[in-house]
Amino acid sequence: GGGRMKITMDRYNANWKMVELGWKTHVLG
């Protein structure tokens, strides 16, 4: 898990680093 404005839930290609951090958290552990 993690905060919605920290990981995963970026929008409109504003901050792909959020999505990358979410991927590392959820997918890679």
mmCIF file of all heavy atoms, coordinates in Angstrom:
data_MODEL
# 
_entry.id   MODEL 
# 
loop_
_atom_site.group_PDB 
_atom_site.id 
_atom_site.type_symbol 
_atom_site.label_atom_id 
_atom_site.label_alt_id 
_atom_site.label_comp_id 
_atom_site.label_asym_id 
_atom_site.label_entity_id 
_atom_site.label_seq_id 
_atom_site.pdbx_PDB_ins_code 
_atom_site.Cartn_x 
_atom_site.Cartn_y 
_atom_site.Cartn_z 
_atom_site.occupancy 
_atom_site.B_iso_or_equiv 
_atom_site.pdbx_formal_charge 
_atom_site.auth_seq_id 
_atom_site.auth_comp_id 
_atom_site.auth_asym_id 
_atom_site.auth_atom_id 
_atom_site.pdbx_PDB_model_num 
ATOM 1   N N   . GLY A 1 1  ? 0.810  -1.204 0.000   1.00 0.00 ? 1  GLY A N   1 
ATOM 2   C CA  . GLY A 1 1  ? 0.000  0.000  0.000   1.00 0.00 ? 1  GLY A CA  1 
ATOM 3   C C   . GLY A 1 1  ? 0.841  1.249  0.000   1.00 0.00 ? 1  GLY A C   1 
ATOM 4   O O   . GLY A 1 1  ? 2.069  1.221  -0.090  1.00 0.00 ? 1  GLY A O   1 
ATOM 5   N N   . GLY A 1 2  ? 0.139  2.382  0.122   1.00 0.00 ? 2  GLY A N   1 
ATOM 6   C CA  . GLY A 1 2  ? 0.779  3.691  0.140   1.00 0.00 ? 2  GLY A CA  1 
ATOM 7   C C   . GLY A 1 2  ? -0.247 4.759  -0.168  1.00 0.00 ? 2  GLY A C   1 
ATOM 8   O O   . GLY A 1 2  ? -1.383 4.456  -0.552  1.00 0.00 ? 2  GLY A O   1 
ATOM 9   N N   . GLY A 1 3  ? 0.133  6.013  0.015   1.00 0.00 ? 3  GLY A N   1 
ATOM 10  C CA  . GLY A 1 3  ? -0.785 7.116  -0.229  1.00 0.00 ? 3  GLY A CA  1 
ATOM 11  C C   . GLY A 1 3  ? -1.099 7.317  -1.696  1.00 0.00 ? 3  GLY A C   1 
ATOM 12  O O   . GLY A 1 3  ? -0.234 7.189  -2.563  1.00 0.00 ? 3  GLY A O   1 
ATOM 13  N N   . ARG A 1 4  ? -2.317 7.656  -1.984  1.00 0.00 ? 4  ARG A N   1 
ATOM 14  C CA  . ARG A 1 4  ? -2.795 7.797  -3.367  1.00 0.00 ? 4  ARG A CA  1 
ATOM 15  C C   . ARG A 1 4  ? -2.077 8.894  -4.139  1.00 0.00 ? 4  ARG A C   1 
ATOM 16  O O   . ARG A 1 4  ? -2.018 8.847  -5.369  1.00 0.00 ? 4  ARG A O   1 
ATOM 17  C CB  . ARG A 1 4  ? -4.299 8.095  -3.389  1.00 0.00 ? 4  ARG A CB  1 
ATOM 18  C CG  . ARG A 1 4  ? -4.677 9.361  -2.651  1.00 0.00 ? 4  ARG A CG  1 
ATOM 19  C CD  . ARG A 1 4  ? -6.160 9.676  -2.734  1.00 0.00 ? 4  ARG A CD  1 
ATOM 20  N NE  . ARG A 1 4  ? -6.508 10.259 -4.011  1.00 0.00 ? 4  ARG A NE  1 
ATOM 21  C CZ  . ARG A 1 4  ? -7.738 10.670 -4.312  1.00 0.00 ? 4  ARG A CZ  1 
ATOM 22  N NH1 . ARG A 1 4  ? -8.719 10.541 -3.443  1.00 0.00 ? 4  ARG A NH1 1 
ATOM 23  N NH2 . ARG A 1 4  ? -7.993 11.214 -5.488  1.00 0.00 ? 4  ARG A NH2 1 
ATOM 24  N N   . MET A 1 5  ? -1.545 9.906  -3.441  1.00 0.00 ? 5  MET A N   1 
ATOM 25  C CA  . MET A 1 5  ? -0.807 10.966 -4.119  1.00 0.00 ? 5  MET A CA  1 
ATOM 26  C C   . MET A 1 5  ? 0.697  10.721 -4.090  1.00 0.00 ? 5  MET A C   1 
ATOM 27  O O   . MET A 1 5  ? 1.484  11.570 -4.519  1.00 0.00 ? 5  MET A O   1 
ATOM 28  C CB  . MET A 1 5  ? -1.136 12.326 -3.489  1.00 0.00 ? 5  MET A CB  1 
ATOM 29  C CG  . MET A 1 5  ? -2.596 12.727 -3.658  1.00 0.00 ? 5  MET A CG  1 
ATOM 30  S SD  . MET A 1 5  ? -3.170 12.755 -5.386  1.00 0.00 ? 5  MET A SD  1 
ATOM 31  C CE  . MET A 1 5  ? -2.307 14.200 -5.995  1.00 0.00 ? 5  MET A CE  1 
ATOM 32  N N   . LYS A 1 6  ? 1.071  9.543  -3.614  1.00 0.00 ? 6  LYS A N   1 
ATOM 33  C CA  . LYS A 1 6  ? 2.473  9.167  -3.557  1.00 0.00 ? 6  LYS A CA  1 
ATOM 34  C C   . LYS A 1 6  ? 2.798  8.093  -4.586  1.00 0.00 ? 6  LYS A C   1 
ATOM 35  O O   . LYS A 1 6  ? 3.873  8.099  -5.191  1.00 0.00 ? 6  LYS A O   1 
ATOM 36  C CB  . LYS A 1 6  ? 2.812  8.658  -2.153  1.00 0.00 ? 6  LYS A CB  1 
ATOM 37  C CG  . LYS A 1 6  ? 4.285  8.677  -1.817  1.00 0.00 ? 6  LYS A CG  1 
ATOM 38  C CD  . LYS A 1 6  ? 4.763  10.083 -1.558  1.00 0.00 ? 6  LYS A CD  1 
ATOM 39  C CE  . LYS A 1 6  ? 6.191  10.113 -1.040  1.00 0.00 ? 6  LYS A CE  1 
ATOM 40  N NZ  . LYS A 1 6  ? 6.650  11.489 -0.789  1.00 0.00 ? 6  LYS A NZ  1 
ATOM 41  N N   . ILE A 1 7  ? 1.869  7.153  -4.759  1.00 0.00 ? 7  ILE A N   1 
ATOM 42  C CA  . ILE A 1 7  ? 2.121  6.038  -5.673  1.00 0.00 ? 7  ILE A CA  1 
ATOM 43  C C   . ILE A 1 7  ? 0.904  5.752  -6.548  1.00 0.00 ? 7  ILE A C   1 
ATOM 44  O O   . ILE A 1 7  ? -0.228 6.041  -6.187  1.00 0.00 ? 7  ILE A O   1 
ATOM 45  C CB  . ILE A 1 7  ? 2.532  4.747  -4.925  1.00 0.00 ? 7  ILE A CB  1 
ATOM 46  C CG1 . ILE A 1 7  ? 1.370  4.228  -4.030  1.00 0.00 ? 7  ILE A CG1 1 
ATOM 47  C CG2 . ILE A 1 7  ? 3.770  4.969  -4.082  1.00 0.00 ? 7  ILE A CG2 1 
ATOM 48  C CD1 . ILE A 1 7  ? 1.626  2.855  -3.440  1.00 0.00 ? 7  ILE A CD1 1 
ATOM 49  N N   . THR A 1 8  ? 1.163  5.194  -7.705  1.00 0.00 ? 8  THR A N   1 
ATOM 50  C CA  . THR A 1 8  ? 0.201  4.490  -8.560  1.00 0.00 ? 8  THR A CA  1 
ATOM 51  C C   . THR A 1 8  ? -0.823 5.377  -9.264  1.00 0.00 ? 8  THR A C   1 
ATOM 52  O O   . THR A 1 8  ? -1.046 5.233  -10.464 1.00 0.00 ? 8  THR A O   1 
ATOM 53  C CB  . THR A 1 8  ? -0.550 3.397  -7.768  1.00 0.00 ? 8  THR A CB  1 
ATOM 54  O OG1 . THR A 1 8  ? 0.389  2.593  -7.051  1.00 0.00 ? 8  THR A OG1 1 
ATOM 55  C CG2 . THR A 1 8  ? -1.390 2.527  -8.679  1.00 0.00 ? 8  THR A CG2 1 
ATOM 56  N N   . MET A 1 9  ? -1.471 6.315  -8.544  1.00 0.00 ? 9  MET A N   1 
ATOM 57  C CA  . MET A 1 9  ? -2.647 6.992  -9.077  1.00 0.00 ? 9  MET A CA  1 
ATOM 58  C C   . MET A 1 9  ? -2.348 8.350  -9.705  1.00 0.00 ? 9  MET A C   1 
ATOM 59  O O   . MET A 1 9  ? -3.112 9.307  -9.537  1.00 0.00 ? 9  MET A O   1 
ATOM 60  C CB  . MET A 1 9  ? -3.726 7.116  -7.998  1.00 0.00 ? 9  MET A CB  1 
ATOM 61  C CG  . MET A 1 9  ? -4.542 5.850  -7.844  1.00 0.00 ? 9  MET A CG  1 
ATOM 62  S SD  . MET A 1 9  ? -5.804 5.922  -6.546  1.00 0.00 ? 9  MET A SD  1 
ATOM 63  C CE  . MET A 1 9  ? -6.785 7.338  -7.034  1.00 0.00 ? 9  MET A CE  1 
ATOM 64  N N   . ASP A 1 10 ? -1.286 8.435  -10.478 1.00 0.00 ? 10 ASP A N   1 
ATOM 65  C CA  . ASP A 1 10 ? -1.051 9.650  -11.263 1.00 0.00 ? 10 ASP A CA  1 
ATOM 66  C C   . ASP A 1 10 ? -2.108 9.743  -12.368 1.00 0.00 ? 10 ASP A C   1 
ATOM 67  O O   . ASP A 1 10 ? -2.794 8.764  -12.683 1.00 0.00 ? 10 ASP A O   1 
ATOM 68  C CB  . ASP A 1 10 ? 0.346  9.609  -11.884 1.00 0.00 ? 10 ASP A CB  1 
ATOM 69  C CG  . ASP A 1 10 ? 0.661  10.856 -12.688 1.00 0.00 ? 10 ASP A CG  1 
ATOM 70  O OD1 . ASP A 1 10 ? 0.401  11.959 -12.176 1.00 0.00 ? 10 ASP A OD1 1 
ATOM 71  O OD2 . ASP A 1 10 ? 1.159  10.735 -13.826 1.00 0.00 ? 10 ASP A OD2 1 
ATOM 72  N N   . ARG A 1 11 ? -2.241 10.921 -12.950 1.00 0.00 ? 11 ARG A N   1 
ATOM 73  C CA  . ARG A 1 11 ? -3.142 11.071 -14.100 1.00 0.00 ? 11 ARG A CA  1 
ATOM 74  C C   . ARG A 1 11 ? -2.571 12.066 -15.098 1.00 0.00 ? 11 ARG A C   1 
ATOM 75  O O   . ARG A 1 11 ? -1.762 12.923 -14.766 1.00 0.00 ? 11 ARG A O   1 
ATOM 76  C CB  . ARG A 1 11 ? -4.528 11.519 -13.648 1.00 0.00 ? 11 ARG A CB  1 
ATOM 77  C CG  . ARG A 1 11 ? -4.582 12.903 -13.039 1.00 0.00 ? 11 ARG A CG  1 
ATOM 78  C CD  . ARG A 1 11 ? -6.008 13.252 -12.689 1.00 0.00 ? 11 ARG A CD  1 
ATOM 79  N NE  . ARG A 1 11 ? -6.096 14.529 -11.987 1.00 0.00 ? 11 ARG A NE  1 
ATOM 80  C CZ  . ARG A 1 11 ? -7.218 14.979 -11.425 1.00 0.00 ? 11 ARG A CZ  1 
ATOM 81  N NH1 . ARG A 1 11 ? -8.307 14.246 -11.470 1.00 0.00 ? 11 ARG A NH1 1 
ATOM 82  N NH2 . ARG A 1 11 ? -7.238 16.143 -10.816 1.00 0.00 ? 11 ARG A NH2 1 
ATOM 83  N N   . TYR A 1 12 ? -3.026 11.946 -16.335 1.00 0.00 ? 12 TYR A N   1 
ATOM 84  C CA  . TYR A 1 12 ? -2.669 12.854 -17.426 1.00 0.00 ? 12 TYR A CA  1 
ATOM 85  C C   . TYR A 1 12 ? -1.153 12.940 -17.641 1.00 0.00 ? 12 TYR A C   1 
ATOM 86  O O   . TYR A 1 12 ? -0.628 13.981 -18.034 1.00 0.00 ? 12 TYR A O   1 
ATOM 87  C CB  . TYR A 1 12 ? -3.245 14.252 -17.186 1.00 0.00 ? 12 TYR A CB  1 
ATOM 88  C CG  . TYR A 1 12 ? -4.720 14.275 -16.887 1.00 0.00 ? 12 TYR A CG  1 
ATOM 89  C CD1 . TYR A 1 12 ? -5.261 15.198 -15.996 1.00 0.00 ? 12 TYR A CD1 1 
ATOM 90  C CD2 . TYR A 1 12 ? -5.590 13.357 -17.477 1.00 0.00 ? 12 TYR A CD2 1 
ATOM 91  C CE1 . TYR A 1 12 ? -6.623 15.224 -15.718 1.00 0.00 ? 12 TYR A CE1 1 
ATOM 92  C CE2 . TYR A 1 12 ? -6.946 13.372 -17.201 1.00 0.00 ? 12 TYR A CE2 1 
ATOM 93  C CZ  . TYR A 1 12 ? -7.462 14.299 -16.320 1.00 0.00 ? 12 TYR A CZ  1 
ATOM 94  O OH  . TYR A 1 12 ? -8.807 14.315 -16.043 1.00 0.00 ? 12 TYR A OH  1 
ATOM 95  N N   . ASN A 1 13 ? -0.459 11.841 -17.355 1.00 0.00 ? 13 ASN A N   1 
ATOM 96  C CA  . ASN A 1 13 ? 0.993  11.763 -17.579 1.00 0.00 ? 13 ASN A CA  1 
ATOM 97  C C   . ASN A 1 13 ? 1.749  12.863 -16.843 1.00 0.00 ? 13 ASN A C   1 
ATOM 98  O O   . ASN A 1 13 ? 2.798  13.316 -17.291 1.00 0.00 ? 13 ASN A O   1 
ATOM 99  C CB  . ASN A 1 13 ? 1.309  11.856 -19.076 1.00 0.00 ? 13 ASN A CB  1 
ATOM 100 C CG  . ASN A 1 13 ? 0.552  10.820 -19.879 1.00 0.00 ? 13 ASN A CG  1 
ATOM 101 O OD1 . ASN A 1 13 ? 0.626  9.630  -19.590 1.00 0.00 ? 13 ASN A OD1 1 
ATOM 102 N ND2 . ASN A 1 13 ? -0.186 11.256 -20.880 1.00 0.00 ? 13 ASN A ND2 1 
ATOM 103 N N   . ALA A 1 14 ? 1.228  13.278 -15.714 1.00 0.00 ? 14 ALA A N   1 
ATOM 104 C CA  . ALA A 1 14 ? 1.840  14.382 -14.977 1.00 0.00 ? 14 ALA A CA  1 
ATOM 105 C C   . ALA A 1 14 ? 3.087  13.951 -14.215 1.00 0.00 ? 14 ALA A C   1 
ATOM 106 O O   . ALA A 1 14 ? 4.043  14.703 -14.106 1.00 0.00 ? 14 ALA A O   1 
ATOM 107 C CB  . ALA A 1 14 ? 0.826  14.989 -14.001 1.00 0.00 ? 14 ALA A CB  1 
ATOM 108 N N   . ASN A 1 15 ? 3.084  12.720 -13.675 1.00 0.00 ? 15 ASN A N   1 
ATOM 109 C CA  . ASN A 1 15 ? 4.201  12.285 -12.835 1.00 0.00 ? 15 ASN A CA  1 
ATOM 110 C C   . ASN A 1 15 ? 4.312  10.761 -12.872 1.00 0.00 ? 15 ASN A C   1 
ATOM 111 O O   . ASN A 1 15 ? 3.842  10.068 -11.981 1.00 0.00 ? 15 ASN A O   1 
ATOM 112 C CB  . ASN A 1 15 ? 3.998  12.775 -11.395 1.00 0.00 ? 15 ASN A CB  1 
ATOM 113 C CG  . ASN A 1 15 ? 5.189  12.498 -10.507 1.00 0.00 ? 15 ASN A CG  1 
ATOM 114 O OD1 . ASN A 1 15 ? 6.210  11.972 -10.952 1.00 0.00 ? 15 ASN A OD1 1 
ATOM 115 N ND2 . ASN A 1 15 ? 5.064  12.846 -9.239  1.00 0.00 ? 15 ASN A ND2 1 
ATOM 116 N N   . TRP A 1 16 ? 4.964  10.253 -13.903 1.00 0.00 ? 16 TRP A N   1 
ATOM 117 C CA  . TRP A 1 16 ? 5.098  8.802  -14.067 1.00 0.00 ? 16 TRP A CA  1 
ATOM 118 C C   . TRP A 1 16 ? 5.920  8.161  -12.944 1.00 0.00 ? 16 TRP A C   1 
ATOM 119 O O   . TRP A 1 16 ? 5.858  6.947  -12.730 1.00 0.00 ? 16 TRP A O   1 
ATOM 120 C CB  . TRP A 1 16 ? 5.711  8.478  -15.427 1.00 0.00 ? 16 TRP A CB  1 
ATOM 121 C CG  . TRP A 1 16 ? 4.691  8.415  -16.522 1.00 0.00 ? 16 TRP A CG  1 
ATOM 122 C CD1 . TRP A 1 16 ? 4.363  9.388  -17.417 1.00 0.00 ? 16 TRP A CD1 1 
ATOM 123 C CD2 . TRP A 1 16 ? 3.831  7.316  -16.824 1.00 0.00 ? 16 TRP A CD2 1 
ATOM 124 N NE1 . TRP A 1 16 ? 3.368  8.952  -18.260 1.00 0.00 ? 16 TRP A NE1 1 
ATOM 125 C CE2 . TRP A 1 16 ? 3.022  7.672  -17.917 1.00 0.00 ? 16 TRP A CE2 1 
ATOM 126 C CE3 . TRP A 1 16 ? 3.671  6.034  -16.272 1.00 0.00 ? 16 TRP A CE3 1 
ATOM 127 C CZ2 . TRP A 1 16 ? 2.072  6.834  -18.475 1.00 0.00 ? 16 TRP A CZ2 1 
ATOM 128 C CZ3 . TRP A 1 16 ? 2.724  5.183  -16.825 1.00 0.00 ? 16 TRP A CZ3 1 
ATOM 129 C CH2 . TRP A 1 16 ? 1.934  5.581  -17.913 1.00 0.00 ? 16 TRP A CH2 1 
ATOM 130 N N   . LYS A 1 17 ? 6.678  8.962  -12.205 1.00 0.00 ? 17 LYS A N   1 
ATOM 131 C CA  . LYS A 1 17 ? 7.445  8.413  -11.081 1.00 0.00 ? 17 LYS A CA  1 
ATOM 132 C C   . LYS A 1 17 ? 6.510  7.820  -10.027 1.00 0.00 ? 17 LYS A C   1 
ATOM 133 O O   . LYS A 1 17 ? 6.865  6.855  -9.352  1.00 0.00 ? 17 LYS A O   1 
ATOM 134 C CB  . LYS A 1 17 ? 8.322  9.507  -10.453 1.00 0.00 ? 17 LYS A CB  1 
ATOM 135 C CG  . LYS A 1 17 ? 9.517  9.912  -11.300 1.00 0.00 ? 17 LYS A CG  1 
ATOM 136 C CD  . LYS A 1 17 ? 10.542 8.783  -11.373 1.00 0.00 ? 17 LYS A CD  1 
ATOM 137 C CE  . LYS A 1 17 ? 11.786 9.217  -12.136 1.00 0.00 ? 17 LYS A CE  1 
ATOM 138 N NZ  . LYS A 1 17 ? 12.752 8.094  -12.281 1.00 0.00 ? 17 LYS A NZ  1 
ATOM 139 N N   . MET A 1 18 ? 5.326  8.405  -9.894  1.00 0.00 ? 18 MET A N   1 
ATOM 140 C CA  . MET A 1 18 ? 4.329  7.848  -8.972  1.00 0.00 ? 18 MET A CA  1 
ATOM 141 C C   . MET A 1 18 ? 3.938  6.435  -9.386  1.00 0.00 ? 18 MET A C   1 
ATOM 142 O O   . MET A 1 18 ? 3.821  5.521  -8.561  1.00 0.00 ? 18 MET A O   1 
ATOM 143 C CB  . MET A 1 18 ? 3.073  8.727  -8.942  1.00 0.00 ? 18 MET A CB  1 
ATOM 144 C CG  . MET A 1 18 ? 3.179  9.990  -8.127  1.00 0.00 ? 18 MET A CG  1 
ATOM 145 S SD  . MET A 1 18 ? 1.679  11.002 -8.266  1.00 0.00 ? 18 MET A SD  1 
ATOM 146 C CE  . MET A 1 18 ? 0.425  9.854  -7.645  1.00 0.00 ? 18 MET A CE  1 
ATOM 147 N N   . VAL A 1 19 ? 3.710  6.256  -10.673 1.00 0.00 ? 19 VAL A N   1 
ATOM 148 C CA  . VAL A 1 19 ? 3.288  4.952  -11.178 1.00 0.00 ? 19 VAL A CA  1 
ATOM 149 C C   . VAL A 1 19 ? 4.431  3.941  -11.055 1.00 0.00 ? 19 VAL A C   1 
ATOM 150 O O   . VAL A 1 19 ? 4.220  2.783  -10.682 1.00 0.00 ? 19 VAL A O   1 
ATOM 151 C CB  . VAL A 1 19 ? 2.812  5.066  -12.636 1.00 0.00 ? 19 VAL A CB  1 
ATOM 152 C CG1 . VAL A 1 19 ? 2.195  3.751  -13.104 1.00 0.00 ? 19 VAL A CG1 1 
ATOM 153 C CG2 . VAL A 1 19 ? 1.802  6.198  -12.782 1.00 0.00 ? 19 VAL A CG2 1 
ATOM 154 N N   . GLU A 1 20 ? 5.634  4.398  -11.355 1.00 0.00 ? 20 GLU A N   1 
ATOM 155 C CA  . GLU A 1 20 ? 6.794  3.519  -11.220 1.00 0.00 ? 20 GLU A CA  1 
ATOM 156 C C   . GLU A 1 20 ? 6.969  3.056  -9.774  1.00 0.00 ? 20 GLU A C   1 
ATOM 157 O O   . GLU A 1 20 ? 7.241  1.873  -9.522  1.00 0.00 ? 20 GLU A O   1 
ATOM 158 C CB  . GLU A 1 20 ? 8.056  4.246  -11.683 1.00 0.00 ? 20 GLU A CB  1 
ATOM 159 C CG  . GLU A 1 20 ? 9.321  3.389  -11.602 1.00 0.00 ? 20 GLU A CG  1 
ATOM 160 C CD  . GLU A 1 20 ? 10.553 4.107  -12.104 1.00 0.00 ? 20 GLU A CD  1 
ATOM 161 O OE1 . GLU A 1 20 ? 10.485 5.343  -12.316 1.00 0.00 ? 20 GLU A OE1 1 
ATOM 162 O OE2 . GLU A 1 20 ? 11.594 3.444  -12.283 1.00 0.00 ? 20 GLU A OE2 1 
ATOM 163 N N   . LEU A 1 21 ? 6.785  3.979  -8.830  1.00 0.00 ? 21 LEU A N   1 
ATOM 164 C CA  . LEU A 1 21 ? 6.906  3.609  -7.423  1.00 0.00 ? 21 LEU A CA  1 
ATOM 165 C C   . LEU A 1 21 ? 5.816  2.620  -7.028  1.00 0.00 ? 21 LEU A C   1 
ATOM 166 O O   . LEU A 1 21 ? 6.051  1.674  -6.273  1.00 0.00 ? 21 LEU A O   1 
ATOM 167 C CB  . LEU A 1 21 ? 6.833  4.873  -6.559  1.00 0.00 ? 21 LEU A CB  1 
ATOM 168 C CG  . LEU A 1 21 ? 7.193  4.738  -5.081  1.00 0.00 ? 21 LEU A CG  1 
ATOM 169 C CD1 . LEU A 1 21 ? 8.572  4.122  -4.888  1.00 0.00 ? 21 LEU A CD1 1 
ATOM 170 C CD2 . LEU A 1 21 ? 7.118  6.114  -4.409  1.00 0.00 ? 21 LEU A CD2 1 
ATOM 171 N N   . GLY A 1 22 ? 4.618  2.821  -7.567  1.00 0.00 ? 22 GLY A N   1 
ATOM 172 C CA  . GLY A 1 22 ? 3.545  1.870  -7.313  1.00 0.00 ? 22 GLY A CA  1 
ATOM 173 C C   . GLY A 1 22 ? 3.834  0.495  -7.895  1.00 0.00 ? 22 GLY A C   1 
ATOM 174 O O   . GLY A 1 22 ? 3.566  -0.533 -7.276  1.00 0.00 ? 22 GLY A O   1 
ATOM 175 N N   . TRP A 1 23 ? 4.388  0.476  -9.108  1.00 0.00 ? 23 TRP A N   1 
ATOM 176 C CA  . TRP A 1 23 ? 4.752  -0.790 -9.746  1.00 0.00 ? 23 TRP A CA  1 
ATOM 177 C C   . TRP A 1 23 ? 5.774  -1.554 -8.889  1.00 0.00 ? 23 TRP A C   1 
ATOM 178 O O   . TRP A 1 23 ? 5.636  -2.755 -8.645  1.00 0.00 ? 23 TRP A O   1 
ATOM 179 C CB  . TRP A 1 23 ? 5.325  -0.511 -11.134 1.00 0.00 ? 23 TRP A CB  1 
ATOM 180 C CG  . TRP A 1 23 ? 5.692  -1.734 -11.918 1.00 0.00 ? 23 TRP A CG  1 
ATOM 181 C CD1 . TRP A 1 23 ? 6.896  -2.375 -11.925 1.00 0.00 ? 23 TRP A CD1 1 
ATOM 182 C CD2 . TRP A 1 23 ? 4.840  -2.474 -12.794 1.00 0.00 ? 23 TRP A CD2 1 
ATOM 183 N NE1 . TRP A 1 23 ? 6.861  -3.456 -12.761 1.00 0.00 ? 23 TRP A NE1 1 
ATOM 184 C CE2 . TRP A 1 23 ? 5.603  -3.555 -13.309 1.00 0.00 ? 23 TRP A CE2 1 
ATOM 185 C CE3 . TRP A 1 23 ? 3.524  -2.334 -13.205 1.00 0.00 ? 23 TRP A CE3 1 
ATOM 186 C CZ2 . TRP A 1 23 ? 5.074  -4.475 -14.207 1.00 0.00 ? 23 TRP A CZ2 1 
ATOM 187 C CZ3 . TRP A 1 23 ? 2.997  -3.253 -14.106 1.00 0.00 ? 23 TRP A CZ3 1 
ATOM 188 C CH2 . TRP A 1 23 ? 3.772  -4.308 -14.595 1.00 0.00 ? 23 TRP A CH2 1 
ATOM 189 N N   . LYS A 1 24 ? 6.778  -0.851 -8.436  1.00 0.00 ? 24 LYS A N   1 
ATOM 190 C CA  . LYS A 1 24 ? 7.793  -1.494 -7.598  1.00 0.00 ? 24 LYS A CA  1 
ATOM 191 C C   . LYS A 1 24 ? 7.175  -2.031 -6.307  1.00 0.00 ? 24 LYS A C   1 
ATOM 192 O O   . LYS A 1 24 ? 7.567  -3.098 -5.817  1.00 0.00 ? 24 LYS A O   1 
ATOM 193 C CB  . LYS A 1 24 ? 8.903  -0.497 -7.264  1.00 0.00 ? 24 LYS A CB  1 
ATOM 194 C CG  . LYS A 1 24 ? 9.781  -0.130 -8.457  1.00 0.00 ? 24 LYS A CG  1 
ATOM 195 C CD  . LYS A 1 24 ? 10.835 0.902  -8.066  1.00 0.00 ? 24 LYS A CD  1 
ATOM 196 C CE  . LYS A 1 24 ? 11.755 1.216  -9.240  1.00 0.00 ? 24 LYS A CE  1 
ATOM 197 N NZ  . LYS A 1 24 ? 12.765 2.250  -8.890  1.00 0.00 ? 24 LYS A NZ  1 
ATOM 198 N N   . THR A 1 25 ? 6.201  -1.303 -5.777  1.00 0.00 ? 25 THR A N   1 
ATOM 199 C CA  . THR A 1 25 ? 5.574  -1.702 -4.514  1.00 0.00 ? 25 THR A CA  1 
ATOM 200 C C   . THR A 1 25 ? 4.665  -2.903 -4.704  1.00 0.00 ? 25 THR A C   1 
ATOM 201 O O   . THR A 1 25 ? 4.798  -3.927 -4.014  1.00 0.00 ? 25 THR A O   1 
ATOM 202 C CB  . THR A 1 25 ? 4.769  -0.523 -3.938  1.00 0.00 ? 25 THR A CB  1 
ATOM 203 O OG1 . THR A 1 25 ? 5.621  0.614  -3.796  1.00 0.00 ? 25 THR A OG1 1 
ATOM 204 C CG2 . THR A 1 25 ? 4.181  -0.883 -2.588  1.00 0.00 ? 25 THR A CG2 1 
ATOM 205 N N   . HIS A 1 26 ? 3.710  -2.803 -5.637  1.00 0.00 ? 26 HIS A N   1 
ATOM 206 C CA  . HIS A 1 26 ? 2.694  -3.846 -5.802  1.00 0.00 ? 26 HIS A CA  1 
ATOM 207 C C   . HIS A 1 26 ? 3.219  -5.075 -6.542  1.00 0.00 ? 26 HIS A C   1 
ATOM 208 O O   . HIS A 1 26 ? 2.936  -6.217 -6.156  1.00 0.00 ? 26 HIS A O   1 
ATOM 209 C CB  . HIS A 1 26 ? 1.484  -3.300 -6.577  1.00 0.00 ? 26 HIS A CB  1 
ATOM 210 C CG  . HIS A 1 26 ? 0.964  -2.000 -6.091  1.00 0.00 ? 26 HIS A CG  1 
ATOM 211 N ND1 . HIS A 1 26 ? 0.747  -1.733 -4.760  1.00 0.00 ? 26 HIS A ND1 1 
ATOM 212 C CD2 . HIS A 1 26 ? 0.600  -0.868 -6.771  1.00 0.00 ? 26 HIS A CD2 1 
ATOM 213 C CE1 . HIS A 1 26 ? 0.266  -0.494 -4.644  1.00 0.00 ? 26 HIS A CE1 1 
ATOM 214 N NE2 . HIS A 1 26 ? 0.178  0.038  -5.848  1.00 0.00 ? 26 HIS A NE2 1 
ATOM 215 N N   . VAL A 1 27 ? 3.952  -4.829 -7.614  1.00 0.00 ? 27 VAL A N   1 
ATOM 216 C CA  . VAL A 1 27 ? 4.356  -5.921 -8.503  1.00 0.00 ? 27 VAL A CA  1 
ATOM 217 C C   . VAL A 1 27 ? 5.645  -6.589 -8.022  1.00 0.00 ? 27 VAL A C   1 
ATOM 218 O O   . VAL A 1 27 ? 5.715  -7.815 -7.894  1.00 0.00 ? 27 VAL A O   1 
ATOM 219 C CB  . VAL A 1 27 ? 4.530  -5.407 -9.951  1.00 0.00 ? 27 VAL A CB  1 
ATOM 220 C CG1 . VAL A 1 27 ? 5.005  -6.541 -10.859 1.00 0.00 ? 27 VAL A CG1 1 
ATOM 221 C CG2 . VAL A 1 27 ? 3.213  -4.822 -10.469 1.00 0.00 ? 27 VAL A CG2 1 
ATOM 222 N N   . LEU A 1 28 ? 6.646  -5.744 -7.750  1.00 0.00 ? 28 LEU A N   1 
ATOM 223 C CA  . LEU A 1 28 ? 7.971  -6.286 -7.412  1.00 0.00 ? 28 LEU A CA  1 
ATOM 224 C C   . LEU A 1 28 ? 8.158  -6.541 -5.919  1.00 0.00 ? 28 LEU A C   1 
ATOM 225 O O   . LEU A 1 28 ? 9.081  -7.262 -5.522  1.00 0.00 ? 28 LEU A O   1 
ATOM 226 C CB  . LEU A 1 28 ? 9.061  -5.335 -7.913  1.00 0.00 ? 28 LEU A CB  1 
ATOM 227 C CG  . LEU A 1 28 ? 9.006  -4.952 -9.404  1.00 0.00 ? 28 LEU A CG  1 
ATOM 228 C CD1 . LEU A 1 28 ? 10.152 -4.007 -9.742  1.00 0.00 ? 28 LEU A CD1 1 
ATOM 229 C CD2 . LEU A 1 28 ? 9.035  -6.183 -10.293 1.00 0.00 ? 28 LEU A CD2 1 
ATOM 230 N N   . GLY A 1 29 ? 7.303  -5.938 -5.106  1.00 0.00 ? 29 GLY A N   1 
ATOM 231 C CA  . GLY A 1 29 ? 7.457  -6.111 -3.663  1.00 0.00 ? 29 GLY A CA  1 
ATOM 232 C C   . GLY A 1 29 ? 8.666  -5.403 -3.105  1.00 0.00 ? 29 GLY A C   1 
ATOM 233 O O   . GLY A 1 29 ? 9.205  -5.785 -2.061  1.00 0.00 ? 29 GLY A O   1 
# 
